[in-house]
C-alpha atoms as a PDB file:
ATOM      1  CA  PHE A   1       2.573  -9.134  -5.504  1.00  0.00           C
ATOM      2  CA  LEU A   2       6.138  -8.410  -6.350  1.00  0.00           C
ATOM      3  CA  ILE A   3       6.788  -5.853  -9.026  1.00  0.00           C
ATOM      4  CA  PHE A   4       9.276  -6.660 -11.734  1.00  0.00           C
ATOM      5  CA  LYS A   5      10.243  -3.925 -14.139  1.00  0.00           C
ATOM      6  CA  THR A   6       9.182  -5.258 -17.508  1.00  0.00           C
ATOM      7  CA  THR A   7       6.829  -3.652 -19.988  1.00  0.00           C
ATOM      8  CA  SER A   8       4.247  -6.413 -19.693  1.00  0.00           C
ATOM      9  CA  SER A   9       4.216  -6.306 -15.895  1.00  0.00           C
ATOM     10  CA  PHE A  10       3.773  -2.510 -15.921  1.00  0.00           C
ATOM     11  CA  CYS A  11       0.813  -2.888 -18.293  1.00  0.00           C
ATOM     12  CA  PHE A  12      -0.659  -5.576 -16.049  1.00  0.00           C
ATOM     13  CA  LEU A  13      -0.157  -3.488 -12.934  1.00  0.00           C
ATOM     14  CA  SER A  14      -1.599  -0.425 -14.625  1.00  0.00           C
ATOM     15  CA  ALA A  15      -4.712  -2.464 -15.392  1.00  0.00           C
ATOM     16  CA  ILE A  16      -4.926  -3.540 -11.748  1.00  0.00           C
ATOM     17  CA  TRP A  17      -4.700   0.052 -10.497  1.00  0.00           C
ATOM     18  CA  ASP A  18      -7.282   1.174 -13.079  1.00  0.00           C
ATOM     19  CA  LYS A  19      -9.599  -1.605 -11.869  1.00  0.00           C
ATOM     20  CA  VAL A  20      -9.133  -0.552  -8.239  1.00  0.00           C
ATOM     21  CA  TYR A  21     -10.022   3.037  -9.172  1.00  0.00           C
ATOM     22  CA  THR A  22     -13.117   1.844 -11.054  1.00  0.00           C
ATOM     23  CA  ASP A  23     -14.148  -0.421  -8.162  1.00  0.00           C
ATOM     24  CA  LEU A  24     -13.850   2.493  -5.741  1.00  0.00           C
ATOM     25  CA  GLY A  25     -16.240   4.470  -7.931  1.00  0.00           C
ATOM     26  CA  LYS A  26     -18.711   1.582  -7.882  1.00  0.00           C
ATOM     27  CA  LYS A  27     -18.291   1.140  -4.101  1.00  0.00           C
ATOM     28  CA  ASP A  28     -17.199  -2.429  -4.815  1.00  0.00           C
ATOM     29  CA  ASN A  29     -14.675  -3.367  -2.153  1.00  0.00           C
ATOM     30  CA  GLU A  30     -14.246  -7.118  -2.714  1.00  0.00           C
ATOM     31  CA  ASN A  31     -11.177  -7.014  -4.998  1.00  0.00           C
ATOM     32  CA  ILE A  32      -9.735  -4.063  -3.118  1.00  0.00           C
ATOM     33  CA  ILE A  33      -9.867  -5.965   0.170  1.00  0.00           C
ATOM     34  CA  LEU A  34      -8.173  -8.956  -1.497  1.00  0.00           C
ATOM     35  CA  LEU A  35      -5.338  -6.766  -2.818  1.00  0.00           C
ATOM     36  CA  LEU A  36      -4.933  -5.012   0.523  1.00  0.00           C
ATOM     37  CA  THR A  37      -4.896  -8.360   2.306  1.00  0.00           C
ATOM     38  CA  GLU A  38      -2.138  -9.526  -0.033  1.00  0.00           C
ATOM     39  CA  LEU A  39      -0.211  -6.326   0.668  1.00  0.00           C
ATOM     40  CA  ARG A  40      -0.647  -6.866   4.399  1.00  0.00           C
ATOM     41  CA  ASP A  41       0.542 -10.471   4.112  1.00  0.00           C
ATOM     42  CA  ASN A  42       3.590  -9.384   2.100  1.00  0.00           C
ATOM     43  CA  ILE A  43       4.464  -6.842   4.787  1.00  0.00           C
ATOM     44  CA  LYS A  44       3.953  -9.411   7.548  1.00  0.00           C
ATOM     45  CA  GLY A  45       6.191 -11.811   5.602  1.00  0.00           C
ATOM     46  CA  LEU A  46       9.049  -9.389   6.184  1.00  0.00           C
ATOM     47  CA  CYS A  47       8.570  -9.327   9.959  1.00  0.00           C
ATOM     48  CA  LEU A  48      10.471 -11.610  12.266  1.00  0.00           C
ATOM     49  CA  LYS A  49       8.706 -10.676  15.502  1.00  0.00           C
ATOM     50  CA  ASP A  50       5.159 -11.808  16.253  1.00  0.00           C
ATOM     51  CA  SER A  51       4.534  -8.517  18.040  1.00  0.00           C
ATOM     52  CA  MET A  52       5.188  -6.639  14.812  1.00  0.00           C
ATOM     53  CA  LYS A  53       2.869  -8.962  12.901  1.00  0.00           C
ATOM     54  CA  ASP A  54       0.179  -8.389  15.538  1.00  0.00           C
ATOM     55  CA  SER A  55       0.667  -4.648  15.209  1.00  0.00           C
ATOM     56  CA  ILE A  56       0.176  -4.872  11.436  1.00  0.00           C
ATOM     57  CA  ASP A  57      -3.018  -6.855  11.962  1.00  0.00           C
ATOM     58  CA  LYS A  58      -4.286  -4.083  14.249  1.00  0.00           C
ATOM     59  CA  GLN A  59      -3.343  -1.420  11.670  1.00  0.00           C
ATOM     60  CA  PHE A  60      -5.147  -3.324   8.942  1.00  0.00           C
ATOM     61  CA  ASP A  61      -8.658  -2.296   9.846  1.00  0.00           C
ATOM     62  CA  ILE A  62     -11.086  -3.594   7.213  1.00  0.00           C
ATOM     63  CA  ASP A  63     -13.890  -1.506   8.733  1.00  0.00           C
ATOM     64  CA  ILE A  64     -11.978   1.705   7.994  1.00  0.00           C
ATOM     65  CA  ILE A  65     -11.527   0.660   4.362  1.00  0.00           C
ATOM     66  CA  LYS A  66     -15.177  -0.307   4.007  1.00  0.00           C
ATOM     67  CA  GLN A  67     -16.243   3.023   5.533  1.00  0.00           C
ATOM     68  CA  ILE A  68     -14.017   4.947   3.127  1.00  0.00           C
ATOM     69  CA  ILE A  69     -15.439   3.103   0.138  1.00  0.00           C
ATOM     70  CA  ASP A  70     -19.075   3.153   1.338  1.00  0.00           C
ATOM     71  CA  HIS A  71     -18.960   6.876   2.173  1.00  0.00           C
ATOM     72  CA  ASP A  72     -17.112   7.647  -1.077  1.00  0.00           C
ATOM     73  CA  LYS A  73     -14.664   9.776   0.863  1.00  0.00           C
ATOM     74  CA  MET A  74     -11.215   9.568   2.410  1.00  0.00           C
ATOM     75  CA  GLU A  75      -9.901  12.235   4.743  1.00  0.00           C
ATOM     76  CA  ILE A  76      -6.392  12.765   6.069  1.00  0.00           C
ATOM     77  CA  LYS A  77      -7.338  11.102   9.384  1.00  0.00           C
ATOM     78  CA  ASP A  78      -8.540   7.998   7.481  1.00  0.00           C
ATOM     79  CA  PHE A  79      -5.335   7.947   5.466  1.00  0.00           C
ATOM     80  CA  ASP A  80      -3.185   8.270   8.578  1.00  0.00           C
ATOM     81  CA  MET A  81      -5.091   5.548  10.457  1.00  0.00           C
ATOM     82  CA  PHE A  82      -4.657   3.031   7.657  1.00  0.00           C
ATOM     83  CA  PHE A  83      -2.126   3.873   4.963  1.00  0.00           C
ATOM     84  CA  GLY A  84      -0.045   6.153   7.190  1.00  0.00           C
ATOM     85  CA  ASN A  85       0.471   3.423   9.765  1.00  0.00           C
ATOM     86  CA  LEU A  86       1.294   0.846   7.114  1.00  0.00           C
ATOM     87  CA  ALA A  87       3.765   3.290   5.536  1.00  0.00           C
ATOM     88  CA  LYS A  88       5.498   3.716   8.916  1.00  0.00           C
ATOM     89  CA  THR A  89       5.823  -0.047   9.213  1.00  0.00           C
ATOM     90  CA  VAL A  90       7.189  -0.375   5.673  1.00  0.00           C
ATOM     91  CA  ARG A  91       9.609   2.467   6.370  1.00  0.00           C
ATOM     92  CA  SER A  92      10.908   0.611   9.429  1.00  0.00           C
ATOM     93  CA  LEU A  93      11.543  -2.491   7.312  1.00  0.00           C
ATOM     94  CA  GLN A  94      13.099  -0.967   4.212  1.00  0.00           C
ATOM     95  CA  SER A  95      16.619   0.229   3.563  1.00  0.00           C
ATOM     96  CA  PRO A  96      17.145   3.749   4.916  1.00  0.00           C
ATOM     97  CA  VAL A  97      18.250   4.739   1.407  1.00  0.00           C
ATOM     98  CA  ASN A  98      14.592   4.447   0.316  1.00  0.00           C
ATOM     99  CA  ASP A  99      13.079   6.437   3.209  1.00  0.00           C
ATOM    100  CA  LYS A 100      13.243   9.796   1.451  1.00  0.00           C
ATOM    101  CA  ASP A 101      11.409   8.486  -1.638  1.00  0.00           C
ATOM    102  CA  LEU A 102       8.681   6.863   0.462  1.00  0.00           C
ATOM    103  CA  ASP A 103       8.225   9.998   2.567  1.00  0.00           C
ATOM    104  CA  LYS A 104       8.013  12.149  -0.551  1.00  0.00           C
ATOM    105  CA  ALA A 105       5.439   9.827  -2.153  1.00  0.00           C
ATOM    106  CA  ILE A 106       3.308   9.786   0.999  1.00  0.00           C
ATOM    107  CA  ASN A 107       3.357  13.596   1.152  1.00  0.00           C
ATOM    108  CA  VAL A 108       2.269  13.814  -2.501  1.00  0.00           C
ATOM    109  CA  ILE A 109      -0.563  11.380  -1.804  1.00  0.00           C
ATOM    110  CA  LYS A 110      -1.741  13.497   1.132  1.00  0.00           C
ATOM    111  CA  THR A 111      -2.085  16.464  -1.215  1.00  0.00           C
ATOM    112  CA  GLN A 112      -4.202  14.314  -3.570  1.00  0.00           C
ATOM    113  CA  ILE A 113      -6.741  13.340  -0.928  1.00  0.00           C
ATOM    114  CA  ASN A 114      -8.897  16.457  -1.157  1.00  0.00           C
ATOM    115  CA  LYS A 115      -8.665  16.617  -4.968  1.00  0.00           C
ATOM    116  CA  ASP A 116      -9.412  12.975  -5.796  1.00  0.00           C
ATOM    117  CA  TRP A 117      -9.518  10.621  -2.833  1.00  0.00           C
ATOM    118  CA  LYS A 118      -9.843   7.587  -5.111  1.00  0.00           C
ATOM    119  CA  GLU A 119      -6.598   8.473  -6.887  1.00  0.00           C
ATOM    120  CA  ALA A 120      -4.946   8.967  -3.484  1.00  0.00           C
ATOM    121  CA  PHE A 121      -6.246   5.574  -2.345  1.00  0.00           C
ATOM    122  CA  VAL A 122      -4.878   3.856  -5.464  1.00  0.00           C
ATOM    123  CA  SER A 123      -1.597   5.753  -5.176  1.00  0.00           C
ATOM    124  CA  SER A 124      -1.267   4.622  -1.563  1.00  0.00           C
ATOM    125  CA  MET A 125      -1.712   0.982  -2.535  1.00  0.00           C
ATOM    126  CA  LYS A 126       0.704   1.379  -5.417  1.00  0.00           C
ATOM    127  CA  VAL A 127       3.420   3.169  -3.416  1.00  0.00           C
ATOM    128  CA  LEU A 128       3.270   0.680  -0.553  1.00  0.00           C
ATOM    129  CA  SER A 129       3.270  -2.287  -2.945  1.00  0.00           C
ATOM    130  CA  GLU A 130       6.305  -0.922  -4.757  1.00  0.00           C
ATOM    131  CA  ALA A 131       8.123  -0.244  -1.482  1.00  0.00           C
ATOM    132  CA  VAL A 132       7.424  -3.772  -0.232  1.00  0.00           C
ATOM    133  CA  SER A 133       8.553  -5.211  -3.556  1.00  0.00           C
ATOM    134  CA  GLN A 134      11.789  -3.242  -3.280  1.00  0.00           C
ATOM    135  CA  ILE A 135      12.400  -4.684   0.181  1.00  0.00           C
ATOM    136  CA  TYR A 136      12.044  -8.200  -1.235  1.00  0.00           C
ATOM    137  CA  VAL A 137      14.404  -7.321  -4.114  1.00  0.00           C
ATOM    138  CA  ASP A 138      16.928  -5.916  -1.635  1.00  0.00           C
ATOM    139  CA  LEU A 139      16.702  -9.096   0.430  1.00  0.00           C
ATOM    140  CA  LEU A 140      17.251 -11.222  -2.662  1.00  0.00           C
ATOM    141  CA  ASN A 141      20.288  -9.158  -3.555  1.00  0.00           C
ATOM    142  CA  LEU A 142      21.671  -9.610  -0.048  1.00  0.00           C
ATOM    143  CA  THR A 143      21.379 -13.377  -0.299  1.00  0.00           C
ATOM    144  CA  LYS A 144      23.294 -13.343  -3.600  1.00  0.00           C
ATOM    145  CA  ASN A 145      26.299 -11.674  -1.979  1.00  0.00           C
END
């Protein structure tokens, strides 16, 4: 889901992130898995090499996500195995100009994990979605020139 900076889209996205947070509290992973699958597919859509797509599929471990939700807990190792790996892939695809912002956001999320893992989970999805959206925007801008 590409993010466009309009008031209505921010309200819509805010509602999505609120719903994800609520679903985590209810241990309801159906919508979360759908959103993560869409994120994965958007990342894979940026990859030219099949080997990179295969690597993303290996990183996208549904069992890890289900365990996090079912156990109502996410630890740094869980974050690194799933979101950390996806963040590394996104970082390799995005403009180097955006690396510092992504790294900073990931570090902030890591500090959230012990305070409110659900907020960290939502923040991870949000940060990665925004980074992927920015890559698509950058690509569109390149094709205009």
